[in-house]
Amino acid sequence: MSSIKKFQVTFDCADPERVARFWCEVLGYVVPKPPEGFATWDTYWSAQPPEKRGAWFACSDPSGVGPRLFFQRVPEGKVVKNRVHLDVRVGTALVGQERVAVLEAEGARLVALGASRVQLLPPDDDNEACLVMQDVEGNEFCLD
């Protein structure tokens, strides 16, 4: 018998808090409370050595069901396509123009938050339409 493991999804990025707050808006996630002893994240970060300030940030599903997302600062920028990406399920069970309309509406909302629209992939023999997007640092994801 195997056990189910909890997991988090980790993003390498230049500005962890900015990317985390974007994903909070996309998914309805929340920023956790600052560590004990600190009233705000700003006071926590100001207490850290300069090289560690803003080095990471996280967000989580307020219901506790979805995985935690963790964002860590790395020195190098994104160069190639992601090997793993998130599919944000906004059009589940919808088909045709109704599905495309929902994908496009959500895509427009996310563009207003700093995302980029890449392309609408049309349906094929195996899949319904999907909208390829990039987050505020260029990480690909799909509205599905």
Protein backbone atom coordinates (compact mmCIF):
# COMPACT_ATOMS: atom_id res chain seq x y z
CA MET A 1 0.00 0.00 0.00
CA SER A 2 1.45 3.35 -0.98
CA SER A 3 0.93 6.55 0.95
CA ILE A 4 -0.10 9.85 -0.56
CA LYS A 5 2.59 12.49 -0.24
CA LYS A 6 2.02 16.20 0.11
CA PHE A 7 4.13 18.30 -2.23
CA GLN A 8 4.84 21.88 -3.11
CA VAL A 9 5.63 23.36 -6.49
CA THR A 10 8.81 25.46 -6.53
CA PHE A 11 9.49 28.28 -9.00
CA ASP A 12 12.93 29.77 -9.63
CA CYS A 13 12.53 33.50 -10.24
CA ALA A 14 14.08 36.94 -9.88
CA ASP A 15 11.40 38.53 -7.66
CA PRO A 16 9.77 35.88 -5.44
CA GLU A 17 7.20 38.12 -3.78
CA ARG A 18 6.00 39.62 -7.07
CA VAL A 19 5.58 36.19 -8.70
CA ALA A 20 3.92 34.72 -5.58
CA ARG A 21 1.40 37.54 -5.38
CA PHE A 22 0.61 37.08 -9.09
CA TRP A 23 -0.11 33.38 -8.52
CA CYS A 24 -2.27 34.23 -5.49
CA GLU A 25 -4.47 36.24 -7.85
CA VAL A 26 -4.51 33.50 -10.50
CA LEU A 27 -5.45 30.67 -8.14
CA GLY A 28 -7.23 32.38 -5.25
CA TYR A 29 -4.32 31.43 -2.99
CA VAL A 30 -3.22 33.43 0.04
CA VAL A 31 0.08 34.66 1.41
CA PRO A 32 0.86 32.98 4.74
CA LYS A 33 1.27 35.03 7.89
CA PRO A 34 4.81 36.28 8.52
CA PRO A 35 7.01 34.19 10.82
CA GLU A 36 6.26 34.34 14.53
CA GLY A 37 7.53 37.50 16.16
CA PHE A 38 6.99 39.66 13.07
CA ALA A 39 3.88 41.75 12.42
CA THR A 40 4.49 42.04 8.67
CA TRP A 41 6.63 40.52 5.96
CA ASP A 42 8.41 43.87 5.61
CA THR A 43 9.54 43.74 9.24
CA TYR A 44 10.64 40.13 8.80
CA TRP A 45 12.69 40.91 5.68
CA SER A 46 14.26 44.03 7.22
CA ALA A 47 15.54 41.84 10.08
CA GLN A 48 17.35 39.52 7.64
CA PRO A 49 20.90 40.03 6.34
CA PRO A 50 20.88 42.04 3.09
CA GLU A 51 21.75 39.04 0.89
CA LYS A 52 18.75 37.07 2.24
CA ARG A 53 16.12 39.81 1.99
CA GLY A 54 13.38 38.80 -0.40
CA ALA A 55 15.12 35.50 -1.18
CA TRP A 56 11.88 33.51 -1.13
CA PHE A 57 8.14 33.82 -0.78
CA ALA A 58 5.25 31.37 -0.71
CA CYS A 59 1.51 31.12 -1.12
CA SER A 60 -1.00 28.43 -0.31
CA ASP A 61 -4.51 27.23 -0.95
CA PRO A 62 -6.67 28.66 1.85
CA SER A 63 -8.67 25.41 1.90
CA GLY A 64 -5.49 23.39 2.43
CA VAL A 65 -6.27 21.09 -0.51
CA GLY A 66 -3.96 22.41 -3.24
CA PRO A 67 -0.17 22.31 -3.09
CA ARG A 68 1.86 25.12 -1.56
CA LEU A 69 3.70 27.23 -4.12
CA PHE A 70 7.23 28.28 -3.20
CA PHE A 71 9.21 30.95 -5.06
CA GLN A 72 12.97 31.22 -4.67
CA ARG A 73 15.28 33.86 -6.01
CA VAL A 74 17.97 32.62 -8.38
CA PRO A 75 20.66 34.70 -10.11
CA GLU A 76 20.07 33.45 -13.65
CA GLY A 77 17.10 34.45 -15.77
CA LYS A 78 14.74 32.12 -17.59
CA VAL A 79 16.28 31.04 -20.88
CA VAL A 80 14.27 28.14 -22.31
CA LYS A 81 10.76 26.72 -22.18
CA ASN A 82 9.66 25.25 -18.85
CA ARG A 83 9.97 21.48 -18.55
CA VAL A 84 6.99 21.51 -16.15
CA HIS A 85 4.10 23.94 -16.15
CA LEU A 86 0.77 24.45 -14.42
CA ASP A 87 -2.55 23.93 -16.17
CA VAL A 88 -5.11 26.24 -14.58
CA ARG A 89 -8.44 24.47 -15.04
CA VAL A 90 -10.94 27.22 -15.92
CA GLY A 91 -12.76 25.56 -18.82
CA THR A 92 -13.39 22.10 -17.43
CA ALA A 93 -16.37 20.36 -19.10
CA LEU A 94 -16.85 23.23 -21.57
CA VAL A 95 -16.42 22.73 -25.31
CA GLY A 96 -16.32 24.78 -28.47
CA GLN A 97 -16.92 28.53 -28.42
CA GLU A 98 -18.22 28.46 -24.86
CA ARG A 99 -14.87 27.06 -23.69
CA VAL A 100 -12.86 29.52 -25.80
CA ALA A 101 -14.88 32.44 -24.41
CA VAL A 102 -14.12 31.37 -20.82
CA LEU A 103 -10.42 30.88 -21.60
CA GLU A 104 -10.19 34.27 -23.32
CA ALA A 105 -12.00 36.06 -20.48
CA GLU A 106 -9.68 34.57 -17.86
CA GLY A 107 -6.69 35.29 -20.09
CA ALA A 108 -7.71 38.95 -20.30
CA ARG A 109 -8.03 39.14 -16.51
CA LEU A 110 -4.54 37.71 -16.08
CA VAL A 111 -3.02 39.99 -18.73
CA ALA A 112 -4.31 42.92 -16.63
CA LEU A 113 -2.32 41.43 -13.71
CA GLY A 114 0.91 41.26 -15.75
CA ALA A 115 0.64 37.92 -17.58
CA SER A 116 1.28 37.57 -21.32
CA ARG A 117 -0.97 35.77 -23.76
CA VAL A 118 1.07 33.43 -25.99
CA GLN A 119 -1.43 31.56 -28.16
CA LEU A 120 -4.76 29.80 -28.29
CA LEU A 121 -4.26 26.15 -29.16
CA PRO A 122 -7.27 24.89 -31.11
CA PRO A 123 -8.98 21.61 -30.28
CA ASP A 124 -7.67 18.43 -31.90
CA ASP A 125 -8.64 14.75 -31.84
CA ASP A 126 -7.51 14.36 -28.20
CA ASN A 127 -7.87 17.76 -26.51
CA GLU A 128 -10.18 20.73 -26.27
CA ALA A 129 -8.86 24.28 -26.82
CA CYS A 130 -6.27 25.63 -24.38
CA LEU A 131 -4.75 29.10 -23.94
CA VAL A 132 -0.98 29.25 -23.45
CA MET A 133 0.12 32.10 -21.18
CA GLN A 134 3.24 33.35 -19.38
CA ASP A 135 3.35 34.68 -15.84
CA VAL A 136 4.99 37.96 -14.81
CA GLU A 137 8.49 36.46 -15.26
CA GLY A 138 7.81 34.48 -18.42
CA ASN A 139 7.03 31.06 -16.93
CA GLU A 140 4.61 29.24 -19.22
CA PHE A 141 1.26 27.98 -18.01
CA CYS A 142 -1.98 26.98 -19.69
CA LEU A 143 -5.55 27.99 -19.14
CA ASP A 144 -7.28 24.69 -19.71
